[in-house]
Each structure stands twice: as C-alpha cells, then as structure tokens.
Amino acid sequence: MAGGAKVAMVAVLIAMVANVSHTTESAVTCQLVVSSLTPCASYLIKGGPVPKSCCNGVQSLYKDAETTSDRQTACRCLEQAATLVPGIKVDNAVNLPAKCDVSIPYKISPVFNCST
C-alpha cells in the first residue's frame, strides 16, 4: 500500500471520530476500532457500494469515541491497523464518511497528528 493511501485512510477515520461531544467516558480499544472498521476494507480497496456493516461500524465508532483520550486511542489504533490493509485507495477513504452519513467538519488530509 502506498504511504499516502495509508495516511489518508487514517486521516479520514480519525476525522470521523474527532467531532464527537465530550459527554461521557468510554473506553475505545484497538479491538473495538478494528472490529468496527474491518467491514470497510473491501470498499476502501475496491470501491463500489459501501457495505451496511461498514457504515454501522463507522457510525458506532463515531459515537463511541467521545473523549479526547478515546479519539487519540482510535487514531493510534488506526495508524497500526492501516499498515495491515494493502491497496487502500485514497479517494475511497476520503468519501467514506459521507457515504455512511457521518458529517465531519474537517478537510480530509493525508497528514494527521494523533496527539492533537
């Protein structure tokens, strides 16, 4: 997988979880992140219709990542997980939030810092 594609996927998925209110504590784990987004792998690589299970995972992760700590954990997990998915197309990653009815107020960029 090209480095830019990996970074773009991570940036998209992080942006999806970055715009969540800070109302309750929740524990986002790498296992949760991976299990939520694994159904998206075929879309991210091949395009086409986004599986319902992918959007369910995207929406669930968006809701679960409520605190700054949760979002930073999700970010680090996504960085690690993205290295395991070869062939991700940047355009597919950029379009994923909108295709899953998740509105993010950030411009998708291949550069993202998990500590911010």
Protein backbone atom coordinates (compact mmCIF):
# COMPACT_ATOMS: atom_id res chain seq x y z
CA MET A 1 0.00 0.00 0.00
CA ALA A 2 1.28 3.43 -0.84
CA GLY A 3 2.20 5.52 2.18
CA GLY A 4 -0.11 8.34 1.10
CA ALA A 5 -3.08 5.97 0.86
CA LYS A 6 -2.42 4.62 4.34
CA VAL A 7 -2.11 8.08 5.82
CA ALA A 8 -5.25 9.26 4.02
CA MET A 9 -7.26 6.34 5.38
CA VAL A 10 -6.04 7.04 8.88
CA ALA A 11 -6.85 10.74 8.50
CA VAL A 12 -10.38 10.00 7.27
CA LEU A 13 -11.15 7.60 10.07
CA ILE A 14 -9.65 9.87 12.68
CA ALA A 15 -11.61 12.84 11.42
CA MET A 16 -14.77 10.77 11.74
CA VAL A 17 -14.13 10.19 15.42
CA ALA A 18 -12.72 13.65 16.13
CA ASN A 19 -16.00 15.56 16.08
CA VAL A 20 -17.76 13.90 18.98
CA SER A 21 -19.11 15.59 22.10
CA HIS A 22 -17.39 15.10 25.44
CA THR A 23 -20.39 13.88 27.46
CA THR A 24 -19.38 10.56 28.99
CA GLU A 25 -16.34 8.39 29.49
CA SER A 26 -15.98 5.40 27.23
CA ALA A 27 -13.14 3.03 26.63
CA VAL A 28 -12.19 2.83 22.97
CA THR A 29 -9.80 -0.04 22.39
CA CYS A 30 -7.86 -1.17 19.34
CA GLN A 31 -10.06 -4.25 19.26
CA LEU A 32 -13.16 -2.02 19.03
CA VAL A 33 -11.61 0.14 16.30
CA VAL A 34 -10.53 -2.82 14.20
CA SER A 35 -13.79 -4.73 14.61
CA SER A 36 -15.80 -1.60 13.79
CA LEU A 37 -13.91 -0.83 10.60
CA THR A 38 -12.91 -4.24 9.25
CA PRO A 39 -16.10 -4.43 7.14
CA CYS A 40 -14.89 -1.29 5.30
CA ALA A 41 -11.73 -2.91 3.89
CA SER A 42 -13.34 -4.12 0.66
CA TYR A 43 -14.80 -0.68 -0.07
CA LEU A 44 -11.53 1.10 0.78
CA ILE A 45 -9.63 -1.15 -1.63
CA LYS A 46 -12.12 -1.78 -4.45
CA GLY A 47 -14.73 0.97 -4.16
CA GLY A 48 -18.30 0.26 -5.19
CA PRO A 49 -21.18 0.17 -2.75
CA VAL A 50 -20.27 0.61 0.91
CA PRO A 51 -21.42 -2.43 2.91
CA LYS A 52 -24.09 -1.67 5.52
CA SER A 53 -21.88 -3.37 8.11
CA CYS A 54 -19.11 -0.87 7.27
CA CYS A 55 -21.38 2.13 7.81
CA ASN A 56 -22.71 0.59 11.01
CA GLY A 57 -19.11 0.32 12.24
CA VAL A 58 -18.21 3.86 11.15
CA GLN A 59 -21.28 5.29 12.88
CA SER A 60 -20.70 3.22 16.01
CA LEU A 61 -17.06 4.27 16.30
CA TYR A 62 -18.06 7.90 15.72
CA LYS A 63 -20.46 7.66 18.67
CA ASP A 64 -18.09 5.68 20.91
CA ALA A 65 -15.08 7.99 20.59
CA GLU A 66 -16.41 10.61 22.98
CA THR A 67 -13.33 11.89 24.77
CA THR A 68 -10.01 13.26 23.59
CA SER A 69 -8.35 10.16 25.00
CA ASP A 70 -10.76 7.91 23.09
CA ARG A 71 -10.04 9.74 19.84
CA GLN A 72 -6.28 9.58 20.40
CA THR A 73 -6.51 5.86 21.13
CA ALA A 74 -8.58 5.35 17.98
CA CYS A 75 -6.04 7.36 15.99
CA ARG A 76 -3.09 5.28 17.17
CA CYS A 77 -5.01 2.06 16.52
CA LEU A 78 -5.91 3.21 13.02
CA GLU A 79 -2.30 4.03 12.27
CA GLN A 80 -1.32 0.49 13.23
CA ALA A 81 -4.27 -1.19 11.50
CA ALA A 82 -3.82 0.72 8.25
CA THR A 83 -0.44 -0.94 7.72
CA LEU A 84 -2.23 -4.30 7.57
CA VAL A 85 -4.59 -3.34 4.73
CA PRO A 86 -2.71 -3.13 1.42
CA GLY A 87 -4.18 -1.35 -1.62
CA ILE A 88 -6.36 1.29 0.02
CA LYS A 89 -7.47 3.94 -2.48
CA VAL A 90 -7.28 7.48 -1.09
CA ASP A 91 -10.48 8.64 -2.85
CA ASN A 92 -12.46 5.80 -1.30
CA ALA A 93 -11.16 6.67 2.15
CA VAL A 94 -11.98 10.36 1.65
CA ASN A 95 -15.55 9.56 0.57
CA LEU A 96 -16.31 7.01 3.30
CA PRO A 97 -17.70 9.36 5.99
CA ALA A 98 -20.26 10.95 3.66
CA LYS A 99 -21.25 7.57 2.24
CA CYS A 100 -22.01 6.47 5.80
CA ASP A 101 -23.93 9.65 6.69
CA VAL A 102 -21.27 10.82 9.11
CA SER A 103 -20.65 14.53 8.86
CA ILE A 104 -17.17 15.70 9.75
CA PRO A 105 -16.22 19.38 9.85
CA TYR A 106 -12.61 18.76 8.84
CA LYS A 107 -10.87 18.76 5.50
CA ILE A 108 -9.53 15.26 4.88
CA SER A 109 -5.77 15.35 4.66
CA PRO A 110 -3.05 12.71 4.39
CA VAL A 111 -1.32 14.41 7.35
CA PHE A 112 -2.79 13.90 10.81
CA ASN A 113 -1.24 14.10 14.27
CA CYS A 114 -2.76 11.69 16.82
CA SER A 115 -1.58 13.80 19.76
CA THR A 116 -3.75 16.78 18.80
